[in-house]
Structures are given as C-alpha cells and as structure tokens.
Amino acid sequence: MVVLRFALIMLLSGLLAACSPTYDWREMPINDGAISAYFPAKPITQARDLTFSGHELSFTLTSAPVDDVLFTVAYAALPAPMQDDAAASKAFADAVVQSLYRNLGAEVPQDLPATGQPFMIEGMSPQGPVRLRATVWLTEHALIEALVTGDSATFPEAEADEFLRGVKVAR
C-alpha cells in the first residue's frame, strides 16, 4: 500500500518532469476544504483505494512538480471503525511514517516524529540521493501528509518551508 503510494508519487514526478514551471504559488482547497495548501505550480489530483488492517481507505494525492521536486498533499479519510479506535488510527499513521523511511532506504527511528511536527529524511531513490521533508497529521477523521521530495543536492529548502507552512488542516 505505502510502496504503491511512493511509487505513484515518483511516477507523477517523472511524468510531470517535462513541465518545469517557475514557482507560481496558488492556494487550493483539498477534499472539500478539509485542507488548504499553497502549491508552487498547478497541481494534479489522483485517488486510489487501499486496504490497511482490513479497513478500506480512499487515498488522494494532490501533487505539483517544479523541475525535479514534487510538492504533495496526501489525504486518507479514516473509515468509521478507525475513527472510533484511537489505537488503530495511530497504528495507521505510524505505518505511513515508517514507510516513508523504508521507501527511501533510511533507518526508521525508534521515536517517530510527532503528528504535526515537520521532519526530514535523507535517502536513496533509483535516480540517486533524495531528500524528503514532510509533516503528517492525524485528525479524528483523516490522515494528512504534506511532502516535498527532491534531489538532495538541489533541494529547495526555502520553497519546501513555504509549502509546508502553507498547508492548513481545517478538520
């Protein structure tokens, strides 16, 4: 499931690499206003149904590429049984964060970043060294991720900060 999501992010990055707009920030509501984000280019949204511990989830990825960097907001509404089970929803959030480390070949820390706290992972992709800056939120109703992924050597720190600061979780 999570490997599929990472593969989808990388696929989107590759498909959209031909478009290299300059940073052209625009606000966009996501999932009927549950989130708002400032994207540095026109984003594209794709959805996929996934299963986690027997629960069906719809996972939406909204991504905007700029050169070799991908700015993404992922949203997964929690099904009712997970909303009512704090341990199950936390296990899902932990699994998602752990997968970000594993997908980049990085060691998973014993203490995972707290929900809502930005973190960075240095790892490898098939194209070479990669940096991921992210924040993951777990609300009563959803798991939300804000991700910036790009080549470690040319990673746009200021733009990543701007993007991550611009993601607002409304509910």
N, C-alpha and C. Protein backbone atom coordinates (compact mmCIF):
# COMPACT_ATOMS: atom_id res chain seq x y z
N MET A 1 0.83 -1.18 0.00
CA MET A 1 0.00 0.00 0.00
C MET A 1 0.87 1.25 0.00
N VAL A 2 1.77 1.35 0.94
CA VAL A 2 2.58 2.54 1.07
C VAL A 2 3.63 2.59 -0.04
N VAL A 3 4.15 1.41 -0.40
CA VAL A 3 5.10 1.35 -1.51
C VAL A 3 4.41 1.82 -2.78
N LEU A 4 3.16 1.43 -2.93
CA LEU A 4 2.38 1.85 -4.09
C LEU A 4 2.23 3.37 -4.11
N ARG A 5 1.98 3.97 -2.94
CA ARG A 5 1.83 5.42 -2.84
C ARG A 5 3.13 6.11 -3.23
N PHE A 6 4.26 5.61 -2.71
CA PHE A 6 5.56 6.20 -3.04
C PHE A 6 5.83 6.06 -4.54
N ALA A 7 5.53 4.88 -5.06
CA ALA A 7 5.73 4.66 -6.50
C ALA A 7 4.87 5.62 -7.31
N LEU A 8 3.64 5.86 -6.85
CA LEU A 8 2.75 6.79 -7.53
C LEU A 8 3.32 8.21 -7.49
N ILE A 9 3.87 8.61 -6.35
CA ILE A 9 4.48 9.93 -6.23
C ILE A 9 5.65 10.04 -7.19
N MET A 10 6.50 9.03 -7.22
CA MET A 10 7.66 9.07 -8.11
C MET A 10 7.22 9.04 -9.58
N LEU A 11 6.18 8.27 -9.88
CA LEU A 11 5.66 8.22 -11.25
C LEU A 11 5.14 9.59 -11.66
N LEU A 12 4.36 10.23 -10.77
CA LEU A 12 3.87 11.57 -11.07
C LEU A 12 5.03 12.52 -11.33
N SER A 13 6.06 12.40 -10.50
CA SER A 13 7.23 13.26 -10.66
C SER A 13 7.86 13.06 -12.03
N GLY A 14 8.01 11.81 -12.42
CA GLY A 14 8.61 11.50 -13.72
C GLY A 14 7.75 11.97 -14.87
N LEU A 15 6.45 11.72 -14.79
CA LEU A 15 5.56 12.12 -15.87
C LEU A 15 5.47 13.62 -16.03
N LEU A 16 5.59 14.32 -14.92
CA LEU A 16 5.43 15.75 -14.97
C LEU A 16 6.75 16.50 -15.06
N ALA A 17 7.85 15.77 -15.13
CA ALA A 17 9.16 16.41 -15.19
C ALA A 17 9.32 17.26 -16.44
N ALA A 18 8.60 16.91 -17.50
CA ALA A 18 8.70 17.69 -18.73
C ALA A 18 8.17 19.10 -18.53
N CYS A 19 7.26 19.26 -17.59
CA CYS A 19 6.76 20.59 -17.27
C CYS A 19 7.68 21.19 -16.22
N SER A 20 8.32 22.29 -16.50
CA SER A 20 9.13 22.90 -15.46
C SER A 20 8.74 24.36 -15.29
N PRO A 21 7.59 24.56 -14.66
CA PRO A 21 7.16 25.93 -14.43
C PRO A 21 8.03 26.59 -13.35
N THR A 22 8.05 27.90 -13.37
CA THR A 22 8.67 28.60 -12.27
C THR A 22 7.72 28.50 -11.08
N TYR A 23 8.21 28.88 -9.94
CA TYR A 23 7.34 28.84 -8.76
C TYR A 23 6.23 29.87 -8.95
N ASP A 24 5.02 29.39 -9.01
CA ASP A 24 3.83 30.21 -9.24
C ASP A 24 2.82 29.78 -8.18
N TRP A 25 2.96 30.33 -6.98
CA TRP A 25 2.18 29.88 -5.83
C TRP A 25 0.71 30.19 -5.99
N ARG A 26 -0.10 29.20 -5.62
CA ARG A 26 -1.55 29.34 -5.67
C ARG A 26 -2.17 28.51 -4.55
N GLU A 27 -3.22 29.04 -3.96
CA GLU A 27 -3.92 28.31 -2.89
C GLU A 27 -4.94 27.38 -3.52
N MET A 28 -5.05 26.19 -2.92
CA MET A 28 -6.01 25.21 -3.43
C MET A 28 -6.66 24.48 -2.26
N PRO A 29 -7.99 24.44 -2.23
CA PRO A 29 -8.65 23.61 -1.22
C PRO A 29 -8.58 22.15 -1.64
N ILE A 30 -8.46 21.27 -0.66
CA ILE A 30 -8.36 19.83 -0.93
C ILE A 30 -9.42 19.12 -0.09
N ASN A 31 -10.02 18.10 -0.67
CA ASN A 31 -11.06 17.31 -0.03
C ASN A 31 -12.16 18.20 0.56
N ASP A 32 -12.78 18.95 -0.33
CA ASP A 32 -13.90 19.82 0.04
C ASP A 32 -13.55 20.78 1.17
N GLY A 33 -12.34 21.28 1.17
CA GLY A 33 -11.94 22.28 2.16
C GLY A 33 -11.41 21.72 3.47
N ALA A 34 -11.25 20.40 3.57
CA ALA A 34 -10.69 19.81 4.78
C ALA A 34 -9.25 20.28 4.97
N ILE A 35 -8.60 20.63 3.86
CA ILE A 35 -7.22 21.10 3.87
C ILE A 35 -7.14 22.23 2.85
N SER A 36 -6.27 23.18 3.11
CA SER A 36 -5.90 24.13 2.07
C SER A 36 -4.38 24.12 1.99
N ALA A 37 -3.88 24.32 0.80
CA ALA A 37 -2.44 24.28 0.60
C ALA A 37 -2.06 25.29 -0.46
N TYR A 38 -0.85 25.83 -0.33
CA TYR A 38 -0.27 26.69 -1.35
C TYR A 38 0.69 25.85 -2.17
N PHE A 39 0.35 25.64 -3.42
CA PHE A 39 1.18 24.84 -4.32
C PHE A 39 2.01 25.77 -5.20
N PRO A 40 3.23 25.36 -5.54
CA PRO A 40 4.10 26.21 -6.34
C PRO A 40 3.85 26.11 -7.85
N ALA A 41 2.90 25.31 -8.25
CA ALA A 41 2.53 25.13 -9.65
C ALA A 41 1.14 24.50 -9.66
N LYS A 42 0.58 24.37 -10.84
CA LYS A 42 -0.76 23.78 -10.95
C LYS A 42 -0.71 22.31 -10.54
N PRO A 43 -1.48 21.94 -9.50
CA PRO A 43 -1.44 20.56 -9.04
C PRO A 43 -2.38 19.64 -9.82
N ILE A 44 -2.08 18.36 -9.71
CA ILE A 44 -2.89 17.29 -10.30
C ILE A 44 -3.30 16.38 -9.15
N THR A 45 -4.55 15.92 -9.17
CA THR A 45 -5.05 15.05 -8.10
C THR A 45 -5.36 13.68 -8.66
N GLN A 46 -4.91 12.67 -7.92
CA GLN A 46 -5.23 11.28 -8.24
C GLN A 46 -5.68 10.58 -6.96
N ALA A 47 -6.54 9.59 -7.10
CA ALA A 47 -7.04 8.86 -5.93
C ALA A 47 -6.84 7.37 -6.14
N ARG A 48 -6.67 6.68 -5.04
CA ARG A 48 -6.51 5.24 -5.05
C ARG A 48 -7.16 4.65 -3.82
N ASP A 49 -7.79 3.50 -3.97
CA ASP A 49 -8.35 2.78 -2.83
C ASP A 49 -7.29 1.82 -2.31
N LEU A 50 -7.12 1.80 -0.99
CA LEU A 50 -6.13 0.95 -0.35
C LEU A 50 -6.75 0.23 0.83
N THR A 51 -6.09 -0.82 1.28
CA THR A 51 -6.53 -1.57 2.45
C THR A 51 -5.44 -1.54 3.50
N PHE A 52 -5.82 -1.23 4.75
CA PHE A 52 -4.90 -1.27 5.88
C PHE A 52 -5.59 -2.01 7.01
N SER A 53 -5.00 -3.11 7.44
CA SER A 53 -5.52 -3.93 8.54
C SER A 53 -7.02 -4.23 8.37
N GLY A 54 -7.39 -4.57 7.14
CA GLY A 54 -8.77 -4.93 6.87
C GLY A 54 -9.71 -3.76 6.65
N HIS A 55 -9.20 -2.54 6.72
CA HIS A 55 -10.03 -1.35 6.50
C HIS A 55 -9.77 -0.80 5.11
N GLU A 56 -10.85 -0.50 4.39
CA GLU A 56 -10.74 0.11 3.07
C GLU A 56 -10.61 1.62 3.23
N LEU A 57 -9.62 2.21 2.56
CA LEU A 57 -9.38 3.65 2.63
C LEU A 57 -9.25 4.21 1.23
N SER A 58 -9.71 5.42 1.05
CA SER A 58 -9.50 6.13 -0.21
C SER A 58 -8.37 7.12 0.04
N PHE A 59 -7.31 7.01 -0.75
CA PHE A 59 -6.11 7.82 -0.57
C PHE A 59 -6.02 8.78 -1.75
N THR A 60 -6.01 10.08 -1.48
CA THR A 60 -5.94 11.09 -2.53
C THR A 60 -4.59 11.78 -2.48
N LEU A 61 -3.93 11.89 -3.62
CA LEU A 61 -2.65 12.59 -3.74
C LEU A 61 -2.85 13.80 -4.65
N THR A 62 -2.52 14.98 -4.14
CA THR A 62 -2.56 16.19 -4.93
C THR A 62 -1.12 16.69 -5.01
N SER A 63 -0.56 16.71 -6.23
CA SER A 63 0.86 16.99 -6.40
C SER A 63 1.11 18.05 -7.47
N ALA A 64 2.18 18.82 -7.21
CA ALA A 64 2.63 19.82 -8.19
C ALA A 64 4.14 19.68 -8.34
N PRO A 65 4.61 19.43 -9.56
CA PRO A 65 6.05 19.35 -9.78
C PRO A 65 6.64 20.69 -10.19
N VAL A 66 7.84 20.94 -9.72
CA VAL A 66 8.63 22.07 -10.20
C VAL A 66 10.03 21.50 -10.42
N ASP A 67 10.45 21.49 -11.67
CA ASP A 67 11.72 20.87 -12.05
C ASP A 67 11.73 19.43 -11.54
N ASP A 68 12.71 19.06 -10.72
CA ASP A 68 12.78 17.67 -10.23
C ASP A 68 12.25 17.54 -8.81
N VAL A 69 11.46 18.50 -8.35
CA VAL A 69 10.91 18.48 -6.99
C VAL A 69 9.40 18.28 -7.07
N LEU A 70 8.89 17.45 -6.17
CA LEU A 70 7.45 17.19 -6.15
C LEU A 70 6.89 17.65 -4.81
N PHE A 71 5.86 18.50 -4.87
CA PHE A 71 5.16 19.03 -3.71
C PHE A 71 3.81 18.31 -3.64
N THR A 72 3.56 17.59 -2.55
CA THR A 72 2.39 16.72 -2.49
C THR A 72 1.64 16.86 -1.17
N VAL A 73 0.32 16.83 -1.27
CA VAL A 73 -0.54 16.68 -0.10
C VAL A 73 -1.32 15.39 -0.31
N ALA A 74 -1.23 14.50 0.67
CA ALA A 74 -1.96 13.23 0.62
C ALA A 74 -3.03 13.27 1.70
N TYR A 75 -4.19 12.71 1.37
CA TYR A 75 -5.33 12.72 2.29
C TYR A 75 -5.99 11.35 2.27
N ALA A 76 -6.14 10.76 3.45
CA ALA A 76 -6.86 9.49 3.58
C ALA A 76 -7.91 9.63 4.66
N ALA A 77 -9.18 9.63 4.24
CA ALA A 77 -10.27 9.67 5.21
C ALA A 77 -10.28 8.35 5.98
N LEU A 78 -10.40 8.45 7.29
CA LEU A 78 -10.44 7.24 8.10
C LEU A 78 -11.85 6.66 8.07
N PRO A 79 -11.98 5.36 7.84
CA PRO A 79 -13.31 4.74 7.90
C PRO A 79 -13.83 4.79 9.34
N ALA A 80 -15.14 4.74 9.50
CA ALA A 80 -15.77 4.87 10.83
C ALA A 80 -15.14 3.97 11.89
N PRO A 81 -14.88 2.69 11.60
CA PRO A 81 -14.28 1.85 12.66
C PRO A 81 -12.92 2.36 13.13
N MET A 82 -12.14 2.96 12.24
CA MET A 82 -10.84 3.52 12.64
C MET A 82 -11.02 4.84 13.39
N GLN A 83 -12.04 5.60 13.03
CA GLN A 83 -12.30 6.84 13.75
C GLN A 83 -12.64 6.56 15.20
N ASP A 84 -13.28 5.43 15.43
CA ASP A 84 -13.68 5.06 16.79
C ASP A 84 -12.61 4.28 17.53
N ASP A 85 -11.48 4.02 16.90
CA ASP A 85 -10.41 3.22 17.50
C ASP A 85 -9.09 3.99 17.41
N ALA A 86 -8.77 4.70 18.49
CA ALA A 86 -7.57 5.54 18.50
C ALA A 86 -6.31 4.73 18.24
N ALA A 87 -6.25 3.52 18.77
CA ALA A 87 -5.06 2.68 18.56
C ALA A 87 -4.91 2.30 17.09
N ALA A 88 -6.02 1.98 16.43
CA ALA A 88 -5.96 1.60 15.01
C ALA A 88 -5.55 2.79 14.14
N SER A 89 -6.11 3.97 14.42
CA SER A 89 -5.74 5.13 13.61
C SER A 89 -4.29 5.53 13.86
N LYS A 90 -3.80 5.42 15.10
CA LYS A 90 -2.40 5.72 15.38
C LYS A 90 -1.49 4.69 14.71
N ALA A 91 -1.89 3.43 14.72
CA ALA A 91 -1.09 2.39 14.04
C ALA A 91 -0.99 2.69 12.55
N PHE A 92 -2.08 3.16 11.95
CA PHE A 92 -2.06 3.54 10.54
C PHE A 92 -1.09 4.70 10.30
N ALA A 93 -1.19 5.74 11.13
CA ALA A 93 -0.30 6.89 10.98
C ALA A 93 1.16 6.47 11.15
N ASP A 94 1.44 5.64 12.15
CA ASP A 94 2.82 5.17 12.36
C ASP A 94 3.31 4.36 11.16
N ALA A 95 2.45 3.51 10.61
CA ALA A 95 2.83 2.70 9.45
C ALA A 95 3.15 3.59 8.24
N VAL A 96 2.39 4.64 8.06
CA VAL A 96 2.63 5.55 6.94
C VAL A 96 3.98 6.25 7.12
N VAL A 97 4.26 6.76 8.31
CA VAL A 97 5.53 7.45 8.55
C VAL A 97 6.70 6.47 8.41
N GLN A 98 6.56 5.28 8.97
CA GLN A 98 7.62 4.28 8.84
C GLN A 98 7.89 3.95 7.38
N SER A 99 6.83 3.89 6.58
CA SER A 99 7.00 3.56 5.16
C SER A 99 7.77 4.64 4.42
N LEU A 100 7.63 5.89 4.83
CA LEU A 100 8.39 6.96 4.19
C LEU A 100 9.88 6.71 4.37
N TYR A 101 10.28 6.32 5.57
CA TYR A 101 11.69 6.00 5.83
C TYR A 101 12.12 4.79 5.01
N ARG A 102 11.34 3.72 5.10
CA ARG A 102 11.71 2.47 4.41
C ARG A 102 11.81 2.65 2.90
N ASN A 103 10.85 3.39 2.33
CA ASN A 103 10.84 3.58 0.87
C ASN A 103 12.07 4.31 0.38
N LEU A 104 12.71 5.07 1.26
CA LEU A 104 13.93 5.78 0.87
C LEU A 104 15.18 5.07 1.37
N GLY A 105 15.02 3.86 1.91
CA GLY A 105 16.16 3.09 2.39
C GLY A 105 16.80 3.67 3.63
N ALA A 106 16.06 4.48 4.36
CA ALA A 106 16.57 5.11 5.58
C ALA A 106 16.14 4.30 6.80
N GLU A 107 16.95 4.37 7.84
CA GLU A 107 16.61 3.66 9.08
C GLU A 107 15.42 4.34 9.75
N VAL A 108 14.45 3.53 10.17
CA VAL A 108 13.28 4.06 10.86
C VAL A 108 13.68 4.36 12.30
N PRO A 109 13.48 5.60 12.76
CA PRO A 109 13.87 5.92 14.14
C PRO A 109 12.95 5.22 15.14
N GLN A 110 13.50 4.96 16.31
CA GLN A 110 12.70 4.33 17.36
C GLN A 110 11.54 5.24 17.76
N ASP A 111 11.82 6.53 17.88
CA ASP A 111 10.78 7.51 18.19
C ASP A 111 10.41 8.24 16.91
N LEU A 112 9.22 7.97 16.43
CA LEU A 112 8.75 8.61 15.20
C LEU A 112 8.41 10.08 15.46
N PRO A 113 8.49 10.91 14.42
CA PRO A 113 8.11 12.31 14.60
C PRO A 113 6.66 12.41 15.09
N ALA A 114 6.42 13.37 15.97
CA ALA A 114 5.07 13.58 16.49
C ALA A 114 4.18 14.12 15.38
N THR A 115 2.90 13.82 15.48
CA THR A 115 1.96 14.31 14.49
C THR A 115 1.99 15.84 14.47
N GLY A 116 2.00 16.39 13.27
CA GLY A 116 2.04 17.83 13.10
C GLY A 116 3.43 18.44 13.16
N GLN A 117 4.47 17.62 13.41
CA GLN A 117 5.84 18.12 13.50
C GLN A 117 6.59 17.82 12.21
N PRO A 118 7.19 18.83 11.59
CA PRO A 118 7.96 18.60 10.37
C PRO A 118 9.17 17.70 10.65
N PHE A 119 9.54 16.91 9.65
CA PHE A 119 10.73 16.07 9.75
C PHE A 119 11.34 15.91 8.37
N MET A 120 12.59 15.43 8.36
CA MET A 120 13.31 15.27 7.10
C MET A 120 13.92 13.88 7.06
N ILE A 121 13.96 13.31 5.86
CA ILE A 121 14.59 12.01 5.63
C ILE A 121 15.57 12.17 4.47
N GLU A 122 16.79 11.71 4.67
CA GLU A 122 17.77 11.64 3.59
C GLU A 122 17.83 10.18 3.18
N GLY A 123 17.64 9.90 1.91
CA GLY A 123 17.64 8.52 1.47
C GLY A 123 18.08 8.40 0.02
N MET A 124 17.67 7.29 -0.57
CA MET A 124 18.04 7.00 -1.96
C MET A 124 16.79 6.63 -2.75
N SER A 125 16.81 7.05 -4.00
CA SER A 125 15.78 6.63 -4.95
C SER A 125 16.53 5.99 -6.11
N PRO A 126 15.83 5.42 -7.06
CA PRO A 126 16.53 4.89 -8.24
C PRO A 126 17.35 5.94 -8.98
N GLN A 127 16.99 7.23 -8.83
CA GLN A 127 17.71 8.30 -9.50
C GLN A 127 18.92 8.80 -8.69
N GLY A 128 19.03 8.41 -7.42
CA GLY A 128 20.15 8.84 -6.59
C GLY A 128 19.70 9.38 -5.25
N PRO A 129 20.58 10.15 -4.57
CA PRO A 129 20.25 10.69 -3.25
C PRO A 129 19.01 11.58 -3.31
N VAL A 130 18.14 11.39 -2.34
CA VAL A 130 16.88 12.13 -2.31
C VAL A 130 16.62 12.63 -0.90
N ARG A 131 15.98 13.78 -0.83
CA ARG A 131 15.58 14.36 0.45
C ARG A 131 14.06 14.46 0.46
N LEU A 132 13.48 14.12 1.60
CA LEU A 132 12.04 14.24 1.80
C LEU A 132 11.84 15.09 3.04
N ARG A 133 11.08 16.16 2.89
CA ARG A 133 10.66 16.96 4.04
C ARG A 133 9.16 16.75 4.12
N ALA A 134 8.68 16.51 5.34
CA ALA A 134 7.27 16.15 5.48
C ALA A 134 6.71 16.58 6.83
N THR A 135 5.39 16.65 6.86
CA THR A 135 4.62 16.76 8.09
C THR A 135 3.43 15.83 7.91
N VAL A 136 3.13 15.08 8.96
CA VAL A 136 1.99 14.15 8.93
C VAL A 136 1.06 14.52 10.08
N TRP A 137 -0.21 14.67 9.76
CA TRP A 137 -1.22 14.97 10.77
C TRP A 137 -2.19 13.80 10.86
N LEU A 138 -2.63 13.51 12.07
CA LEU A 138 -3.69 12.53 12.29
C LEU A 138 -4.81 13.25 13.02
N THR A 139 -5.96 13.37 12.36
CA THR A 139 -7.12 14.00 12.99
C THR A 139 -8.13 12.91 13.33
N GLU A 140 -9.24 13.29 13.88
CA GLU A 140 -10.30 12.32 14.19
C GLU A 140 -10.85 11.66 12.94
N HIS A 141 -10.73 12.35 11.81
CA HIS A 141 -11.37 11.89 10.58
C HIS A 141 -10.42 11.49 9.46
N ALA A 142 -9.13 11.87 9.57
CA ALA A 142 -8.25 11.64 8.42
C ALA A 142 -6.78 11.62 8.81
N LEU A 143 -6.00 11.03 7.89
CA LEU A 143 -4.55 11.13 7.93
C LEU A 143 -4.18 12.05 6.78
N ILE A 144 -3.34 13.05 7.06
CA ILE A 144 -2.94 14.03 6.06
C ILE A 144 -1.42 14.10 6.05
N GLU A 145 -0.84 14.14 4.86
CA GLU A 145 0.61 14.27 4.71
C GLU A 145 0.90 15.43 3.79
N ALA A 146 1.90 16.21 4.16
CA ALA A 146 2.46 17.22 3.26
C ALA A 146 3.90 16.79 3.02
N LEU A 147 4.26 16.61 1.75
CA LEU A 147 5.56 16.05 1.38
C LEU A 147 6.23 16.90 0.31
N VAL A 148 7.53 17.11 0.48
CA VAL A 148 8.33 17.72 -0.57
C VAL A 148 9.49 16.76 -0.81
N THR A 149 9.61 16.29 -2.05
CA THR A 149 10.61 15.28 -2.40
C THR A 149 11.45 15.80 -3.56
N GLY A 150 12.77 15.68 -3.41
CA GLY A 150 13.65 16.11 -4.49
C GLY A 150 15.08 15.65 -4.28
N ASP A 151 15.89 15.89 -5.29
CA ASP A 151 17.30 15.55 -5.25
C ASP A 151 17.96 16.26 -4.06
N SER A 152 18.74 15.53 -3.29
CA SER A 152 19.38 16.09 -2.10
C SER A 152 20.27 17.29 -2.43
N ALA A 153 20.98 17.23 -3.55
CA ALA A 153 21.94 18.28 -3.89
C ALA A 153 21.27 19.59 -4.29
N THR A 154 20.08 19.52 -4.84
CA THR A 154 19.42 20.73 -5.34
C THR A 154 18.09 21.01 -4.63
N PHE A 155 17.90 20.41 -3.47
CA PHE A 155 16.63 20.53 -2.75
C PHE A 155 16.34 21.99 -2.40
N PRO A 156 15.15 22.50 -2.73
CA PRO A 156 14.82 23.90 -2.48
C PRO A 156 14.29 24.12 -1.06
N GLU A 157 15.19 24.34 -0.13
CA GLU A 157 14.82 24.45 1.29
C GLU A 157 13.77 25.53 1.54
N ALA A 158 13.99 26.73 1.01
CA ALA A 158 13.06 27.83 1.26
C ALA A 158 11.67 27.53 0.71
N GLU A 159 11.61 26.98 -0.48
CA GLU A 159 10.31 26.66 -1.08
C GLU A 159 9.63 25.51 -0.34
N ALA A 160 10.41 24.55 0.13
CA ALA A 160 9.84 23.46 0.94
C ALA A 160 9.25 24.01 2.22
N ASP A 161 9.97 24.92 2.88
CA ASP A 161 9.44 25.55 4.09
C ASP A 161 8.13 26.28 3.80
N GLU A 162 8.13 27.04 2.71
CA GLU A 162 6.93 27.80 2.34
C GLU A 162 5.75 26.86 2.09
N PHE A 163 6.00 25.80 1.36
CA PHE A 163 4.92 24.84 1.08
C PHE A 163 4.39 24.21 2.37
N LEU A 164 5.30 23.71 3.22
CA LEU A 164 4.87 23.04 4.44
C LEU A 164 4.14 24.00 5.39
N ARG A 165 4.58 25.24 5.47
CA ARG A 165 3.89 26.24 6.30
C ARG A 165 2.51 26.57 5.75
N GLY A 166 2.35 26.46 4.43
CA GLY A 166 1.10 26.84 3.78
C GLY A 166 0.01 25.77 3.83
N VAL A 167 0.33 24.58 4.33
CA VAL A 167 -0.70 23.54 4.43
C VAL A 167 -1.46 23.74 5.74
N LYS A 168 -2.76 23.93 5.61
CA LYS A 168 -3.62 24.17 6.77
C LYS A 168 -4.67 23.07 6.85
N VAL A 169 -4.72 22.41 7.99
CA VAL A 169 -5.69 21.35 8.22
C VAL A 169 -6.88 21.96 8.94
N ALA A 170 -8.04 21.98 8.26
CA ALA A 170 -9.24 22.62 8.81
C ALA A 170 -10.04 21.68 9.69
N ARG A 171 -10.04 20.39 9.30
CA ARG A 171 -10.83 19.43 10.09
C ARG A 171 -10.27 18.05 9.96
